[in-house]
Amino acid sequence: MENHRLLDILKSAILLEVRGEAFYRKVSENAENEDIRNIFNIMAQEEVLHARVLREKYAEVAKHNKIKAVSIPDDQEESAAAFVLSESAKSRIASAGFEAAAISAAIDMESRAIELYSTSSENASDINEKKLFHWLAEWERGHHKLLFELDKDLKERIWNDNRFWPF
């Protein structure tokens, strides 16, 4: 990938991660449901990690015109994607409230990140670029899956509560 193109991608990626972290922190601060606060707090911490890695890679590209070897953190046990909500915790999320709206907005943010990282990985000719963007895309897919499942549960609850089912 051309140096200036890679730098532009890295800048966009850093911005996505910084915005994501700010959003997730705000949701964590304002959520009434403790489990949702915990999920969004973990996600905010993960976005900080992503931004740090991306800033390091940006500095490498600016100085050496390429990404050097990529060291991928593999300890994701506390990852938000691994967080499982109990049914009682899910039932305490207001289906039309702040937390539900935040989950929906977060799904959109994660989708944009997945698209950027997946496309960047596919278009990269350098193995280290591919590895970096693939790792980020997969991590964001984990976030997306968690959020999507939460949103799906909320929708089903709304449909059941309001008897929207066609049968």
Protein backbone atom coordinates (compact mmCIF):
# COMPACT_ATOMS: atom_id res chain seq x y z
CA MET A 1 0.00 0.00 0.00
CA GLU A 2 1.28 3.48 -0.76
CA ASN A 3 2.78 5.26 2.24
CA HIS A 4 0.42 8.28 2.21
CA ARG A 5 -2.61 6.01 1.64
CA LEU A 6 -1.61 3.82 4.58
CA LEU A 7 -1.10 6.89 6.77
CA ASP A 8 -4.58 8.14 5.81
CA ILE A 9 -6.10 4.76 6.69
CA LEU A 10 -4.27 4.72 10.01
CA LYS A 11 -5.47 8.26 10.80
CA SER A 12 -9.05 7.26 10.01
CA ALA A 13 -8.67 4.14 12.13
CA ILE A 14 -7.26 6.09 15.07
CA LEU A 15 -10.15 8.54 14.83
CA LEU A 16 -12.69 5.69 14.78
CA GLU A 17 -11.12 4.15 17.88
CA VAL A 18 -10.91 7.46 19.78
CA ARG A 19 -14.53 8.28 18.95
CA GLY A 20 -15.57 4.77 19.91
CA GLU A 21 -13.78 5.04 23.24
CA ALA A 22 -15.45 8.39 24.00
CA PHE A 23 -18.86 7.04 23.06
CA TYR A 24 -18.47 3.82 25.06
CA ARG A 25 -17.24 5.75 28.12
CA LYS A 26 -20.26 8.06 27.94
CA VAL A 27 -22.65 5.12 27.63
CA SER A 28 -20.93 3.40 30.54
CA GLU A 29 -21.29 6.53 32.68
CA ASN A 30 -24.97 7.00 31.82
CA ALA A 31 -26.24 3.43 31.71
CA GLU A 32 -28.57 2.41 34.50
CA ASN A 33 -27.96 -1.29 34.00
CA GLU A 34 -24.73 -2.38 35.71
CA ASP A 35 -24.07 -5.14 33.18
CA ILE A 36 -24.37 -2.68 30.31
CA ARG A 37 -22.03 -0.29 32.16
CA ASN A 38 -19.50 -3.12 32.44
CA ILE A 39 -19.77 -4.14 28.78
CA PHE A 40 -19.33 -0.59 27.54
CA ASN A 41 -16.50 0.06 29.98
CA ILE A 42 -14.64 -3.00 28.68
CA MET A 43 -15.31 -1.91 25.10
CA ALA A 44 -13.94 1.56 25.88
CA GLN A 45 -10.77 0.00 27.30
CA GLU A 46 -10.39 -2.12 24.17
CA GLU A 47 -10.74 0.94 21.95
CA VAL A 48 -7.92 2.59 23.92
CA LEU A 49 -5.74 -0.45 23.20
CA HIS A 50 -6.61 -0.35 19.50
CA ALA A 51 -5.85 3.38 19.27
CA ARG A 52 -2.51 2.85 21.02
CA VAL A 53 -1.50 0.09 18.59
CA LEU A 54 -2.62 2.19 15.63
CA ARG A 55 -0.66 5.24 16.85
CA GLU A 56 2.46 3.08 17.17
CA LYS A 57 1.95 1.79 13.63
CA TYR A 58 1.34 5.31 12.35
CA ALA A 59 4.68 6.43 13.84
CA GLU A 60 6.42 3.43 12.23
CA VAL A 61 5.00 4.20 8.81
CA ALA A 62 5.82 7.90 9.13
CA LYS A 63 9.42 7.07 10.10
CA HIS A 64 10.18 3.86 8.16
CA ASN A 65 7.59 3.95 5.35
CA LYS A 66 6.15 0.60 6.42
CA ILE A 67 4.64 -1.33 9.29
CA LYS A 68 7.23 -3.39 11.07
CA ALA A 69 6.43 -6.72 12.69
CA VAL A 70 3.03 -6.73 14.33
CA SER A 71 2.76 -8.00 17.89
CA ILE A 72 -0.87 -8.81 18.49
CA PRO A 73 -2.13 -8.85 22.08
CA ASP A 74 -3.83 -12.22 22.45
CA ASP A 75 -5.26 -11.92 25.96
CA GLN A 76 -8.92 -11.28 25.28
CA GLU A 77 -10.43 -13.06 28.28
CA GLU A 78 -11.86 -9.78 29.55
CA SER A 79 -12.97 -8.83 26.08
CA ALA A 80 -16.46 -7.40 25.78
CA ALA A 81 -17.10 -10.01 23.11
CA ALA A 82 -16.65 -12.71 25.76
CA PHE A 83 -19.10 -11.01 28.14
CA VAL A 84 -22.33 -12.96 28.55
CA LEU A 85 -25.42 -11.31 29.95
CA SER A 86 -27.81 -13.30 32.04
CA GLU A 87 -31.47 -13.35 31.05
CA SER A 88 -32.32 -11.31 34.14
CA ALA A 89 -29.74 -8.68 33.18
CA LYS A 90 -31.14 -8.52 29.65
CA SER A 91 -34.65 -8.14 31.00
CA ARG A 92 -33.61 -5.02 32.92
CA ILE A 93 -32.58 -3.19 29.76
CA ALA A 94 -35.34 -0.86 28.67
CA SER A 95 -36.16 -1.90 25.11
CA ALA A 96 -36.79 1.67 24.00
CA GLY A 97 -34.48 3.42 26.43
CA PHE A 98 -31.03 4.96 26.40
CA GLU A 99 -29.18 1.66 26.63
CA ALA A 100 -31.08 0.15 23.69
CA ALA A 101 -30.39 3.25 21.59
CA ALA A 102 -26.71 3.12 22.56
CA ILE A 103 -26.51 -0.54 21.54
CA SER A 104 -28.02 0.30 18.16
CA ALA A 105 -25.61 3.22 17.62
CA ALA A 106 -22.67 1.06 18.70
CA ILE A 107 -23.62 -1.59 16.13
CA ASP A 108 -23.32 1.06 13.41
CA MET A 109 -19.94 2.21 14.74
CA GLU A 110 -18.62 -1.34 14.83
CA SER A 111 -19.89 -1.98 11.30
CA ARG A 112 -17.91 1.01 10.02
CA ALA A 113 -14.78 -0.19 11.80
CA ILE A 114 -15.18 -3.73 10.43
CA GLU A 115 -15.57 -2.36 6.92
CA LEU A 116 -12.47 -0.14 7.19
CA TYR A 117 -10.30 -2.88 8.67
CA SER A 118 -11.54 -5.66 6.39
CA THR A 119 -11.06 -3.58 3.26
CA SER A 120 -7.63 -2.43 4.43
CA SER A 121 -6.61 -6.02 5.13
CA GLU A 122 -7.86 -7.21 1.73
CA ASN A 123 -6.08 -4.39 -0.12
CA ALA A 124 -2.80 -4.65 1.76
CA SER A 125 0.12 -6.24 -0.04
CA ASP A 126 2.38 -6.18 3.01
CA ILE A 127 1.95 -9.15 5.38
CA ASN A 128 2.23 -6.95 8.50
CA GLU A 129 -0.45 -4.58 7.24
CA LYS A 130 -2.72 -7.55 6.50
CA LYS A 131 -2.08 -9.02 9.95
CA LEU A 132 -2.78 -5.73 11.76
CA PHE A 133 -6.01 -4.95 9.94
CA HIS A 134 -7.23 -8.54 10.09
CA TRP A 135 -6.71 -8.61 13.87
CA LEU A 136 -8.62 -5.35 14.29
CA ALA A 137 -11.46 -6.50 12.02
CA GLU A 138 -11.86 -9.73 13.97
CA TRP A 139 -11.88 -7.96 17.33
CA GLU A 140 -14.50 -5.49 16.09
CA ARG A 141 -16.55 -8.42 14.75
CA GLY A 142 -16.61 -9.75 18.31
CA HIS A 143 -17.97 -6.42 19.53
CA HIS A 144 -20.50 -6.38 16.71
CA LYS A 145 -21.70 -9.91 17.48
CA LEU A 146 -22.23 -9.12 21.16
CA LEU A 147 -24.12 -5.93 20.39
CA PHE A 148 -26.16 -7.57 17.62
CA GLU A 149 -27.25 -10.38 19.94
CA LEU A 150 -28.24 -7.88 22.63
CA ASP A 151 -30.21 -5.86 20.10
CA LYS A 152 -31.88 -9.00 18.76
CA ASP A 153 -32.98 -10.00 22.27
CA LEU A 154 -34.36 -6.52 22.89
CA LYS A 155 -36.34 -6.55 19.63
CA GLU A 156 -37.80 -9.96 20.37
CA ARG A 157 -38.85 -8.76 23.81
CA ILE A 158 -40.57 -5.73 22.27
CA TRP A 159 -42.33 -7.95 19.75
CA ASN A 160 -43.46 -10.37 22.45
CA ASP A 161 -44.53 -7.64 24.88
CA ASN A 162 -46.56 -5.89 22.20
CA ARG A 163 -47.85 -9.03 20.49
CA PHE A 164 -46.30 -8.07 17.14
CA TRP A 165 -45.87 -11.70 16.08
CA PRO A 166 -47.96 -12.57 13.04
CA PHE A 167 -49.07 -15.97 14.37
